[in-house]
Amino acid sequence: MTALAFSLAALEAIPALLRAGADAGGFASRAATALSAMQAAGRDPTDAEWAALNAQIAALRGRLDG
C-alpha cells in the first residue's frame, strides 16, 4: 500500500480517537513522523509500519469501545 493510503488511514482514525478522549495529537504526530521518513526515503510504508499504525489505532479505539 502507498504512503497516501497510510496517511488516509491515520486521518480517518482521528475523529474516533477524539471521541474516545485519546491522545489524537500524539497519534497524528507519530503518523506525521513516519510519513516524513517515508517521504525522505522515497518509499511506501513497510509491513511493520502498517502493523504499528493498525496497532495504535486498535489500542486507542479500544478505549472508545471500553
N, C-alpha and C. Protein backbone atom coordinates (compact mmCIF):
# COMPACT_ATOMS: atom_id res chain seq x y z
N MET A 1 0.84 -1.18 0.00
CA MET A 1 0.00 0.00 0.00
C MET A 1 0.88 1.24 0.00
N THR A 2 0.29 2.33 -0.36
CA THR A 2 1.05 3.56 -0.55
C THR A 2 1.07 4.43 0.70
N ALA A 3 1.95 5.42 0.66
CA ALA A 3 2.02 6.39 1.75
C ALA A 3 0.71 7.17 1.83
N LEU A 4 0.07 7.40 0.69
CA LEU A 4 -1.21 8.10 0.69
C LEU A 4 -2.26 7.28 1.45
N ALA A 5 -2.31 5.98 1.22
CA ALA A 5 -3.25 5.13 1.94
C ALA A 5 -2.94 5.14 3.44
N PHE A 6 -1.66 5.14 3.79
CA PHE A 6 -1.22 5.20 5.19
C PHE A 6 -1.74 6.49 5.83
N SER A 7 -1.56 7.61 5.14
CA SER A 7 -1.99 8.89 5.71
C SER A 7 -3.51 8.96 5.83
N LEU A 8 -4.21 8.42 4.85
CA LEU A 8 -5.67 8.40 4.93
C LEU A 8 -6.16 7.55 6.10
N ALA A 9 -5.54 6.41 6.31
CA ALA A 9 -5.91 5.56 7.44
C ALA A 9 -5.72 6.29 8.76
N ALA A 10 -4.62 7.01 8.86
CA ALA A 10 -4.35 7.77 10.09
C ALA A 10 -5.37 8.89 10.26
N LEU A 11 -5.64 9.63 9.20
CA LEU A 11 -6.60 10.74 9.29
C LEU A 11 -8.01 10.26 9.61
N GLU A 12 -8.40 9.16 9.03
CA GLU A 12 -9.75 8.63 9.27
C GLU A 12 -9.92 8.19 10.72
N ALA A 13 -8.86 7.83 11.39
CA ALA A 13 -8.96 7.37 12.78
C ALA A 13 -9.13 8.52 13.76
N ILE A 14 -8.73 9.70 13.40
CA ILE A 14 -8.69 10.82 14.36
C ILE A 14 -10.05 11.16 14.96
N PRO A 15 -11.15 11.26 14.21
CA PRO A 15 -12.43 11.60 14.87
C PRO A 15 -12.82 10.62 15.98
N ALA A 16 -12.66 9.33 15.73
CA ALA A 16 -12.99 8.35 16.77
C ALA A 16 -12.06 8.48 17.96
N LEU A 17 -10.81 8.77 17.71
CA LEU A 17 -9.86 8.94 18.80
C LEU A 17 -10.22 10.15 19.65
N LEU A 18 -10.65 11.22 19.01
CA LEU A 18 -11.08 12.40 19.75
C LEU A 18 -12.30 12.09 20.61
N ARG A 19 -13.26 11.36 20.04
CA ARG A 19 -14.45 10.98 20.82
C ARG A 19 -14.09 10.12 22.01
N ALA A 20 -13.05 9.33 21.87
CA ALA A 20 -12.63 8.45 22.96
C ALA A 20 -11.79 9.19 24.00
N GLY A 21 -11.46 10.43 23.73
CA GLY A 21 -10.61 11.17 24.66
C GLY A 21 -9.17 10.73 24.59
N ALA A 22 -8.79 10.08 23.48
CA ALA A 22 -7.43 9.59 23.32
C ALA A 22 -6.51 10.73 22.90
N ASP A 23 -5.24 10.46 22.95
CA ASP A 23 -4.22 11.44 22.56
C ASP A 23 -4.12 11.50 21.04
N ALA A 24 -5.12 12.12 20.41
CA ALA A 24 -5.14 12.21 18.95
C ALA A 24 -3.97 13.04 18.44
N GLY A 25 -3.56 14.05 19.19
CA GLY A 25 -2.42 14.87 18.78
C GLY A 25 -1.14 14.07 18.73
N GLY A 26 -0.91 13.25 19.74
CA GLY A 26 0.28 12.41 19.76
C GLY A 26 0.24 11.38 18.65
N PHE A 27 -0.95 10.81 18.42
CA PHE A 27 -1.12 9.84 17.34
C PHE A 27 -0.80 10.49 16.00
N ALA A 28 -1.35 11.69 15.76
CA ALA A 28 -1.11 12.39 14.49
C ALA A 28 0.36 12.74 14.34
N SER A 29 1.00 13.12 15.42
CA SER A 29 2.43 13.45 15.38
C SER A 29 3.27 12.23 15.01
N ARG A 30 2.95 11.08 15.59
CA ARG A 30 3.69 9.85 15.26
C ARG A 30 3.47 9.45 13.81
N ALA A 31 2.24 9.60 13.32
CA ALA A 31 1.95 9.28 11.92
C ALA A 31 2.70 10.24 10.99
N ALA A 32 2.73 11.52 11.33
CA ALA A 32 3.44 12.50 10.51
C ALA A 32 4.94 12.22 10.48
N THR A 33 5.50 11.81 11.61
CA THR A 33 6.92 11.46 11.66
C THR A 33 7.21 10.27 10.75
N ALA A 34 6.34 9.27 10.80
CA ALA A 34 6.52 8.09 9.93
C ALA A 34 6.41 8.48 8.47
N LEU A 35 5.43 9.33 8.14
CA LEU A 35 5.26 9.77 6.75
C LEU A 35 6.45 10.60 6.28
N SER A 36 7.00 11.41 7.14
CA SER A 36 8.19 12.20 6.78
C SER A 36 9.37 11.29 6.46
N ALA A 37 9.53 10.23 7.24
CA ALA A 37 10.61 9.27 6.99
C ALA A 37 10.40 8.57 5.65
N MET A 38 9.15 8.21 5.36
CA MET A 38 8.85 7.57 4.07
C MET A 38 9.16 8.51 2.91
N GLN A 39 8.75 9.76 3.06
CA GLN A 39 8.98 10.74 2.01
C GLN A 39 10.47 10.97 1.80
N ALA A 40 11.22 11.09 2.88
CA ALA A 40 12.66 11.32 2.78
C ALA A 40 13.36 10.16 2.10
N ALA A 41 12.86 8.96 2.33
CA ALA A 41 13.47 7.76 1.73
C ALA A 41 12.87 7.45 0.36
N GLY A 42 11.81 8.16 -0.02
CA GLY A 42 11.18 7.93 -1.31
C GLY A 42 10.55 6.55 -1.41
N ARG A 43 9.85 6.16 -0.34
CA ARG A 43 9.30 4.80 -0.30
C ARG A 43 7.90 4.81 0.29
N ASP A 44 7.22 3.68 0.12
CA ASP A 44 5.93 3.46 0.75
C ASP A 44 6.14 2.82 2.12
N PRO A 45 5.10 2.76 2.93
CA PRO A 45 5.24 2.16 4.26
C PRO A 45 5.59 0.68 4.19
N THR A 46 6.37 0.26 5.17
CA THR A 46 6.72 -1.15 5.29
C THR A 46 5.57 -1.89 5.98
N ASP A 47 5.62 -3.20 5.93
CA ASP A 47 4.63 -4.01 6.65
C ASP A 47 4.67 -3.70 8.14
N ALA A 48 5.86 -3.47 8.68
CA ALA A 48 6.00 -3.15 10.10
C ALA A 48 5.37 -1.80 10.43
N GLU A 49 5.52 -0.83 9.54
CA GLU A 49 4.90 0.48 9.78
C GLU A 49 3.38 0.38 9.74
N TRP A 50 2.86 -0.42 8.80
CA TRP A 50 1.42 -0.64 8.76
C TRP A 50 0.94 -1.31 10.04
N ALA A 51 1.67 -2.31 10.47
CA ALA A 51 1.29 -3.03 11.69
C ALA A 51 1.29 -2.10 12.89
N ALA A 52 2.29 -1.23 12.98
CA ALA A 52 2.36 -0.29 14.10
C ALA A 52 1.19 0.69 14.06
N LEU A 53 0.88 1.20 12.87
CA LEU A 53 -0.25 2.13 12.74
C LEU A 53 -1.55 1.43 13.15
N ASN A 54 -1.78 0.23 12.63
CA ASN A 54 -3.00 -0.50 12.94
C ASN A 54 -3.09 -0.84 14.43
N ALA A 55 -1.96 -1.15 15.05
CA ALA A 55 -1.95 -1.45 16.49
C ALA A 55 -2.29 -0.21 17.30
N GLN A 56 -1.74 0.93 16.90
CA GLN A 56 -2.04 2.18 17.61
C GLN A 56 -3.53 2.51 17.50
N ILE A 57 -4.07 2.38 16.29
CA ILE A 57 -5.49 2.67 16.09
C ILE A 57 -6.34 1.72 16.92
N ALA A 58 -6.03 0.44 16.89
CA ALA A 58 -6.81 -0.55 17.64
C ALA A 58 -6.76 -0.27 19.14
N ALA A 59 -5.59 0.05 19.65
CA ALA A 59 -5.45 0.33 21.08
C ALA A 59 -6.25 1.57 21.49
N LEU A 60 -6.17 2.60 20.68
CA LEU A 60 -6.88 3.83 21.01
C LEU A 60 -8.39 3.67 20.83
N ARG A 61 -8.80 2.92 19.83
CA ARG A 61 -10.23 2.66 19.65
C ARG A 61 -10.77 1.75 20.75
N GLY A 62 -9.92 0.93 21.31
CA GLY A 62 -10.32 0.07 22.42
C GLY A 62 -10.83 0.89 23.59
N ARG A 63 -10.28 2.06 23.75
CA ARG A 63 -10.75 2.95 24.82
C ARG A 63 -12.17 3.42 24.52
N LEU A 64 -12.48 3.65 23.25
CA LEU A 64 -13.80 4.08 22.86
C LEU A 64 -14.82 2.97 23.11
N ASP A 65 -14.43 1.76 22.75
CA ASP A 65 -15.32 0.61 22.92
C ASP A 65 -15.46 0.19 24.38
N GLY A 66 -14.41 0.48 25.17
CA GLY A 66 -14.39 0.05 26.57
C GLY A 66 -15.08 0.99 27.45
